[in-house]
């Protein structure tokens, strides 16, 4: 006769989950919020123009107190991080717009 094991673990776990805020599932979700990256404007990567994205990133880099490196490098690294994090799920039109934003960012910082 097999001994049935009483499990109380699931109750404890669900009680704990309800009292805490949901943690990000992946480390990369925490980077823009917790690291010394940049204080970005909400929805910056969803803007419709590559120039607008570049201008917003430049403005954020210049005004952010959380960055460790220079303004151009910080802005470009956040843009590259977003593109890489999205991976294959990023629609081609948005990927093209973000790649053009890299060129516009370079132009905005006078690094052509």
C-alpha atoms as a PDB file:
ATOM      1  CA  UNK A   1       0.000   0.000   0.000  1.00  0.00           C
ATOM      2  CA  UNK A   2       1.479   3.308  -1.077  1.00  0.00           C
ATOM      3  CA  UNK A   3       1.620   6.010   1.521  1.00  0.00           C
ATOM      4  CA  UNK A   4      -0.134   9.190   0.412  1.00  0.00           C
ATOM      5  CA  UNK A   5       1.956  12.205   1.141  1.00  0.00           C
ATOM      6  CA  UNK A   6       0.256  15.300   2.454  1.00  0.00           C
ATOM      7  CA  UNK A   7       1.465  18.434   0.684  1.00  0.00           C
ATOM      8  CA  UNK A   8       1.069  21.815   2.280  1.00  0.00           C
ATOM      9  CA  UNK A   9       3.766  23.399   0.176  1.00  0.00           C
ATOM     10  CA  UNK A  10       1.390  24.699  -2.504  1.00  0.00           C
ATOM     11  CA  UNK A  11      -0.662  26.630   0.043  1.00  0.00           C
ATOM     12  CA  UNK A  12       2.407  28.325   1.485  1.00  0.00           C
ATOM     13  CA  UNK A  13       3.721  29.260  -1.940  1.00  0.00           C
ATOM     14  CA  UNK A  14       0.453  30.780  -3.109  1.00  0.00           C
ATOM     15  CA  UNK A  15       0.134  32.749   0.127  1.00  0.00           C
ATOM     16  CA  UNK A  16       3.612  34.135  -0.353  1.00  0.00           C
ATOM     17  CA  UNK A  17       2.937  35.114  -3.966  1.00  0.00           C
ATOM     18  CA  UNK A  18      -0.132  37.130  -3.077  1.00  0.00           C
ATOM     19  CA  UNK A  19       1.706  39.291  -0.539  1.00  0.00           C
ATOM     20  CA  UNK A  20       4.645  40.139  -2.794  1.00  0.00           C
ATOM     21  CA  UNK A  21       4.856  42.155  -5.962  1.00  0.00           C
ATOM     22  CA  UNK A  22       5.418  40.067  -9.066  1.00  0.00           C
ATOM     23  CA  UNK A  23       9.123  39.933  -9.894  1.00  0.00           C
ATOM     24  CA  UNK A  24      10.299  40.197 -13.506  1.00  0.00           C
ATOM     25  CA  UNK A  25      10.691  36.769 -15.089  1.00  0.00           C
ATOM     26  CA  UNK A  26      14.004  37.462 -16.771  1.00  0.00           C
ATOM     27  CA  UNK A  27      17.109  39.370 -15.740  1.00  0.00           C
ATOM     28  CA  UNK A  28      16.873  41.486 -18.857  1.00  0.00           C
ATOM     29  CA  UNK A  29      13.504  42.871 -17.730  1.00  0.00           C
ATOM     30  CA  UNK A  30      15.175  44.345 -14.655  1.00  0.00           C
ATOM     31  CA  UNK A  31      18.011  46.097 -16.521  1.00  0.00           C
ATOM     32  CA  UNK A  32      16.190  49.282 -17.592  1.00  0.00           C
ATOM     33  CA  UNK A  33      14.551  49.619 -14.167  1.00  0.00           C
ATOM     34  CA  UNK A  34      17.325  48.761 -11.728  1.00  0.00           C
ATOM     35  CA  UNK A  35      20.680  49.254 -13.425  1.00  0.00           C
ATOM     36  CA  UNK A  36      22.588  52.467 -13.986  1.00  0.00           C
ATOM     37  CA  UNK A  37      21.351  52.546 -17.537  1.00  0.00           C
ATOM     38  CA  UNK A  38      19.150  55.533 -18.382  1.00  0.00           C
ATOM     39  CA  UNK A  39      15.888  57.048 -17.254  1.00  0.00           C
ATOM     40  CA  UNK A  40      13.945  56.528 -20.469  1.00  0.00           C
ATOM     41  CA  UNK A  41      10.690  58.128 -21.511  1.00  0.00           C
ATOM     42  CA  UNK A  42       7.811  55.629 -21.481  1.00  0.00           C
ATOM     43  CA  UNK A  43       7.289  54.048 -24.910  1.00  0.00           C
ATOM     44  CA  UNK A  44      10.384  55.555 -26.525  1.00  0.00           C
ATOM     45  CA  UNK A  45      10.998  52.483 -28.694  1.00  0.00           C
ATOM     46  CA  UNK A  46       7.405  52.507 -29.970  1.00  0.00           C
ATOM     47  CA  UNK A  47       7.680  55.980 -31.529  1.00  0.00           C
ATOM     48  CA  UNK A  48       6.876  56.155 -35.238  1.00  0.00           C
ATOM     49  CA  UNK A  49       9.992  57.955 -36.451  1.00  0.00           C
ATOM     50  CA  UNK A  50      13.664  57.013 -36.181  1.00  0.00           C
ATOM     51  CA  UNK A  51      14.497  60.711 -35.646  1.00  0.00           C
ATOM     52  CA  UNK A  52      12.038  60.941 -32.746  1.00  0.00           C
ATOM     53  CA  UNK A  53      13.512  57.819 -31.133  1.00  0.00           C
ATOM     54  CA  UNK A  54      17.048  59.171 -31.498  1.00  0.00           C
ATOM     55  CA  UNK A  55      16.051  62.600 -30.143  1.00  0.00           C
ATOM     56  CA  UNK A  56      14.317  61.043 -27.135  1.00  0.00           C
ATOM     57  CA  UNK A  57      17.294  58.795 -26.369  1.00  0.00           C
ATOM     58  CA  UNK A  58      19.660  61.743 -26.663  1.00  0.00           C
ATOM     59  CA  UNK A  59      17.503  63.856 -24.349  1.00  0.00           C
ATOM     60  CA  UNK A  60      17.271  61.009 -21.827  1.00  0.00           C
ATOM     61  CA  UNK A  61      21.030  60.419 -21.919  1.00  0.00           C
ATOM     62  CA  UNK A  62      21.795  64.092 -21.397  1.00  0.00           C
ATOM     63  CA  UNK A  63      19.395  64.484 -18.462  1.00  0.00           C
ATOM     64  CA  UNK A  64      19.822  61.106 -16.749  1.00  0.00           C
ATOM     65  CA  UNK A  65      21.779  60.936 -13.523  1.00  0.00           C
ATOM     66  CA  UNK A  66      21.884  57.123 -13.664  1.00  0.00           C
ATOM     67  CA  UNK A  67      24.365  56.646 -16.487  1.00  0.00           C
ATOM     68  CA  UNK A  68      27.957  55.555 -15.972  1.00  0.00           C
ATOM     69  CA  UNK A  69      29.468  56.358 -19.371  1.00  0.00           C
ATOM     70  CA  UNK A  70      29.161  59.162 -21.910  1.00  0.00           C
ATOM     71  CA  UNK A  71      25.836  60.262 -23.329  1.00  0.00           C
ATOM     72  CA  UNK A  72      26.284  58.784 -26.811  1.00  0.00           C
ATOM     73  CA  UNK A  73      27.476  55.433 -25.518  1.00  0.00           C
ATOM     74  CA  UNK A  74      24.637  55.174 -22.986  1.00  0.00           C
ATOM     75  CA  UNK A  75      21.960  56.036 -25.538  1.00  0.00           C
ATOM     76  CA  UNK A  76      23.341  53.645 -28.141  1.00  0.00           C
ATOM     77  CA  UNK A  77      23.728  50.801 -25.650  1.00  0.00           C
ATOM     78  CA  UNK A  78      20.090  51.107 -24.524  1.00  0.00           C
ATOM     79  CA  UNK A  79      18.920  51.050 -28.132  1.00  0.00           C
ATOM     80  CA  UNK A  80      21.077  48.018 -28.928  1.00  0.00           C
ATOM     81  CA  UNK A  81      19.963  46.297 -25.718  1.00  0.00           C
ATOM     82  CA  UNK A  82      16.310  46.735 -26.675  1.00  0.00           C
ATOM     83  CA  UNK A  83      16.863  45.373 -30.186  1.00  0.00           C
ATOM     84  CA  UNK A  84      18.782  42.359 -28.883  1.00  0.00           C
ATOM     85  CA  UNK A  85      16.305  41.664 -26.100  1.00  0.00           C
ATOM     86  CA  UNK A  86      13.370  41.641 -28.522  1.00  0.00           C
ATOM     87  CA  UNK A  87      15.208  39.166 -30.736  1.00  0.00           C
ATOM     88  CA  UNK A  88      13.144  37.375 -33.350  1.00  0.00           C
ATOM     89  CA  UNK A  89       9.847  38.638 -31.938  1.00  0.00           C
ATOM     90  CA  UNK A  90      10.558  42.203 -33.089  1.00  0.00           C
ATOM     91  CA  UNK A  91       8.584  42.942 -36.274  1.00  0.00           C
ATOM     92  CA  UNK A  92      10.751  43.715 -39.291  1.00  0.00           C
ATOM     93  CA  UNK A  93       9.301  47.216 -39.741  1.00  0.00           C
ATOM     94  CA  UNK A  94      10.119  48.139 -36.146  1.00  0.00           C
ATOM     95  CA  UNK A  95      13.573  46.557 -36.376  1.00  0.00           C
ATOM     96  CA  UNK A  96      14.302  48.626 -39.494  1.00  0.00           C
ATOM     97  CA  UNK A  97      13.085  51.782 -37.734  1.00  0.00           C
ATOM     98  CA  UNK A  98      15.309  51.065 -34.711  1.00  0.00           C
ATOM     99  CA  UNK A  99      18.327  50.369 -36.920  1.00  0.00           C
ATOM    100  CA  UNK A 100      17.703  53.719 -38.644  1.00  0.00           C
ATOM    101  CA  UNK A 101      17.481  55.296 -35.180  1.00  0.00           C
ATOM    102  CA  UNK A 102      21.083  54.162 -34.585  1.00  0.00           C
ATOM    103  CA  UNK A 103      22.172  56.168 -37.636  1.00  0.00           C
ATOM    104  CA  UNK A 104      20.094  59.160 -36.513  1.00  0.00           C
ATOM    105  CA  UNK A 105      21.593  58.929 -33.024  1.00  0.00           C
ATOM    106  CA  UNK A 106      25.068  58.994 -34.500  1.00  0.00           C
ATOM    107  CA  UNK A 107      24.090  62.039 -36.561  1.00  0.00           C
ATOM    108  CA  UNK A 108      22.512  63.772 -33.527  1.00  0.00           C
ATOM    109  CA  UNK A 109      25.740  63.408 -31.554  1.00  0.00           C
ATOM    110  CA  UNK A 110      27.862  64.571 -34.524  1.00  0.00           C
ATOM    111  CA  UNK A 111      29.666  61.256 -34.938  1.00  0.00           C
ATOM    112  CA  UNK A 112      29.214  60.704 -38.663  1.00  0.00           C
END
